[in-house]
Amino acid sequence: MTRPDTYVGVDKDLQGGMTSIGKVVRDAWVFELIPESETCEGWNRGRIEVLLDQVNDEWDKYGCLVSKLPADLRARHERIHGEAIAKSKLAGWTGEDETVDED
């Protein structure tokens, strides 16, 4: 099976958008690198990688910890990711795939 050339968009992604790319998109919303209305639908791999680098640069400023985010960013993070988790659970996502390698 071949990978698609472009991203389907966080709103159409597998597991209600709880994929690695979906998380990057939501973090980009948190850091206001892209507007929350941008789903990244149609973006190619290179453009997603540029966004990933930008998101990583932002996280590096805070030691990659939500607890070190300023209050406004922490609140935005909790809202954006909280809404995504709730929506994904309704779509059948359980989070179990996240911990498979932790045995």
C-alpha atoms as a PDB file:
ATOM      1  CA  MET A   1       0.000   0.000   0.000  1.00  0.00           C
ATOM      2  CA  THR A   2       1.420   3.380  -0.942  1.00  0.00           C
ATOM      3  CA  ARG A   3       1.184   6.538   1.097  1.00  0.00           C
ATOM      4  CA  PRO A   4      -0.889   9.376  -0.250  1.00  0.00           C
ATOM      5  CA  ASP A   5       1.073  12.297  -1.658  1.00  0.00           C
ATOM      6  CA  THR A   6      -0.834  14.769   0.472  1.00  0.00           C
ATOM      7  CA  TYR A   7      -2.314  14.894   3.956  1.00  0.00           C
ATOM      8  CA  VAL A   8      -6.066  14.305   4.285  1.00  0.00           C
ATOM      9  CA  GLY A   9      -6.506  17.001   6.926  1.00  0.00           C
ATOM     10  CA  VAL A  10      -6.725  16.729  10.690  1.00  0.00           C
ATOM     11  CA  ASP A  11     -10.518  16.688  10.533  1.00  0.00           C
ATOM     12  CA  LYS A  12     -10.480  13.644   8.219  1.00  0.00           C
ATOM     13  CA  ASP A  13      -7.469  11.853   9.692  1.00  0.00           C
ATOM     14  CA  LEU A  14      -7.556   8.357  11.197  1.00  0.00           C
ATOM     15  CA  GLN A  15      -8.572   7.852  14.822  1.00  0.00           C
ATOM     16  CA  GLY A  16     -10.322  11.211  14.921  1.00  0.00           C
ATOM     17  CA  GLY A  17      -7.059  12.981  14.154  1.00  0.00           C
ATOM     18  CA  MET A  18      -5.074  11.337  16.947  1.00  0.00           C
ATOM     19  CA  THR A  19      -2.122  10.591  14.678  1.00  0.00           C
ATOM     20  CA  SER A  20       1.366  12.041  14.822  1.00  0.00           C
ATOM     21  CA  ILE A  21       0.553  14.528  12.058  1.00  0.00           C
ATOM     22  CA  GLY A  22      -2.747  15.431  13.708  1.00  0.00           C
ATOM     23  CA  LYS A  23      -0.900  16.212  16.934  1.00  0.00           C
ATOM     24  CA  VAL A  24       1.550  18.428  15.043  1.00  0.00           C
ATOM     25  CA  VAL A  25      -1.329  20.335  13.472  1.00  0.00           C
ATOM     26  CA  ARG A  26      -2.983  20.883  16.857  1.00  0.00           C
ATOM     27  CA  ASP A  27       0.299  21.993  18.411  1.00  0.00           C
ATOM     28  CA  ALA A  28       0.737  24.424  15.521  1.00  0.00           C
ATOM     29  CA  TRP A  29      -2.678  25.824  16.462  1.00  0.00           C
ATOM     30  CA  VAL A  30      -1.557  26.121  20.092  1.00  0.00           C
ATOM     31  CA  PHE A  31       1.514  28.123  19.111  1.00  0.00           C
ATOM     32  CA  GLU A  32      -0.499  30.099  16.532  1.00  0.00           C
ATOM     33  CA  LEU A  33       1.783  29.017  13.704  1.00  0.00           C
ATOM     34  CA  ILE A  34      -1.347  28.394  11.644  1.00  0.00           C
ATOM     35  CA  PRO A  35      -4.956  29.407  12.316  1.00  0.00           C
ATOM     36  CA  GLU A  36      -7.246  26.856  13.961  1.00  0.00           C
ATOM     37  CA  SER A  37      -9.289  26.823  10.775  1.00  0.00           C
ATOM     38  CA  GLU A  38      -6.300  25.336   8.877  1.00  0.00           C
ATOM     39  CA  THR A  39      -6.654  21.549   8.703  1.00  0.00           C
ATOM     40  CA  CYS A  40      -3.572  21.137   6.479  1.00  0.00           C
ATOM     41  CA  GLU A  41      -5.657  19.212   3.958  1.00  0.00           C
ATOM     42  CA  GLY A  42      -3.713  18.838   0.727  1.00  0.00           C
ATOM     43  CA  TRP A  43      -0.335  19.650   2.296  1.00  0.00           C
ATOM     44  CA  ASN A  44       2.563  17.581   0.987  1.00  0.00           C
ATOM     45  CA  ARG A  45       5.065  15.789   3.212  1.00  0.00           C
ATOM     46  CA  GLY A  46       7.664  18.563   2.872  1.00  0.00           C
ATOM     47  CA  ARG A  47       5.256  21.233   4.035  1.00  0.00           C
ATOM     48  CA  ILE A  48       4.216  19.081   7.028  1.00  0.00           C
ATOM     49  CA  GLU A  49       7.892  18.580   7.922  1.00  0.00           C
ATOM     50  CA  VAL A  50       8.478  22.352   7.879  1.00  0.00           C
ATOM     51  CA  LEU A  51       5.513  22.757  10.235  1.00  0.00           C
ATOM     52  CA  LEU A  52       6.897  19.979  12.459  1.00  0.00           C
ATOM     53  CA  ASP A  53      10.232  21.815  12.682  1.00  0.00           C
ATOM     54  CA  GLN A  54       8.438  25.023  13.637  1.00  0.00           C
ATOM     55  CA  VAL A  55       6.392  23.224  16.294  1.00  0.00           C
ATOM     56  CA  ASN A  56       9.525  21.550  17.686  1.00  0.00           C
ATOM     57  CA  ASP A  57      11.282  24.930  17.868  1.00  0.00           C
ATOM     58  CA  GLU A  58       8.372  26.273  19.921  1.00  0.00           C
ATOM     59  CA  TRP A  59       8.306  23.264  22.250  1.00  0.00           C
ATOM     60  CA  ASP A  60      12.067  23.584  22.785  1.00  0.00           C
ATOM     61  CA  LYS A  61      11.473  27.018  24.339  1.00  0.00           C
ATOM     62  CA  TYR A  62       9.478  25.312  27.102  1.00  0.00           C
ATOM     63  CA  GLY A  63      11.515  22.164  27.589  1.00  0.00           C
ATOM     64  CA  CYS A  64       8.853  20.177  25.711  1.00  0.00           C
ATOM     65  CA  LEU A  65       6.613  20.322  28.800  1.00  0.00           C
ATOM     66  CA  VAL A  66       3.041  21.563  28.941  1.00  0.00           C
ATOM     67  CA  SER A  67       3.650  22.547  32.565  1.00  0.00           C
ATOM     68  CA  LYS A  68       6.257  25.088  31.437  1.00  0.00           C
ATOM     69  CA  LEU A  69       3.965  26.821  28.948  1.00  0.00           C
ATOM     70  CA  PRO A  70       2.813  30.318  29.902  1.00  0.00           C
ATOM     71  CA  ALA A  71      -0.751  30.375  31.229  1.00  0.00           C
ATOM     72  CA  ASP A  72      -2.300  31.525  27.938  1.00  0.00           C
ATOM     73  CA  LEU A  73      -0.562  28.811  25.890  1.00  0.00           C
ATOM     74  CA  ARG A  74      -1.283  26.163  28.511  1.00  0.00           C
ATOM     75  CA  ALA A  75      -4.986  27.076  28.481  1.00  0.00           C
ATOM     76  CA  ARG A  76      -5.043  26.993  24.653  1.00  0.00           C
ATOM     77  CA  HIS A  77      -3.248  23.616  24.703  1.00  0.00           C
ATOM     78  CA  GLU A  78      -5.743  22.174  27.180  1.00  0.00           C
ATOM     79  CA  ARG A  79      -8.700  23.452  25.149  1.00  0.00           C
ATOM     80  CA  ILE A  80      -7.445  22.321  21.731  1.00  0.00           C
ATOM     81  CA  HIS A  81      -6.171  18.919  22.801  1.00  0.00           C
ATOM     82  CA  GLY A  82      -9.058  18.360  25.234  1.00  0.00           C
ATOM     83  CA  GLU A  83     -11.598  18.952  22.468  1.00  0.00           C
ATOM     84  CA  ALA A  84      -9.647  16.637  20.147  1.00  0.00           C
ATOM     85  CA  ILE A  85      -9.498  13.854  22.734  1.00  0.00           C
ATOM     86  CA  ALA A  86     -13.218  14.097  23.445  1.00  0.00           C
ATOM     87  CA  LYS A  87     -14.076  14.056  19.731  1.00  0.00           C
ATOM     88  CA  SER A  88     -11.697  11.156  19.057  1.00  0.00           C
ATOM     89  CA  LYS A  89     -13.156   9.081  21.872  1.00  0.00           C
ATOM     90  CA  LEU A  90     -16.596   9.517  20.319  1.00  0.00           C
ATOM     91  CA  ALA A  91     -15.063   8.212  17.069  1.00  0.00           C
ATOM     92  CA  GLY A  92     -13.776   5.098  18.862  1.00  0.00           C
ATOM     93  CA  TRP A  93     -10.219   6.129  19.736  1.00  0.00           C
ATOM     94  CA  THR A  94      -9.078   4.764  23.095  1.00  0.00           C
ATOM     95  CA  GLY A  95      -5.456   5.828  23.314  1.00  0.00           C
ATOM     96  CA  GLU A  96      -4.320   2.235  23.747  1.00  0.00           C
ATOM     97  CA  ASP A  97      -2.068   2.489  20.690  1.00  0.00           C
ATOM     98  CA  GLU A  98      -0.174   5.241  22.492  1.00  0.00           C
ATOM     99  CA  THR A  99       1.119   2.845  25.176  1.00  0.00           C
ATOM    100  CA  VAL A 100       1.742  -0.364  23.202  1.00  0.00           C
ATOM    101  CA  ASP A 101       5.545  -0.131  23.557  1.00  0.00           C
ATOM    102  CA  GLU A 102       5.512   0.659  27.278  1.00  0.00           C
ATOM    103  CA  ASP A 103       5.539  -2.947  28.511  1.00  0.00           C
END
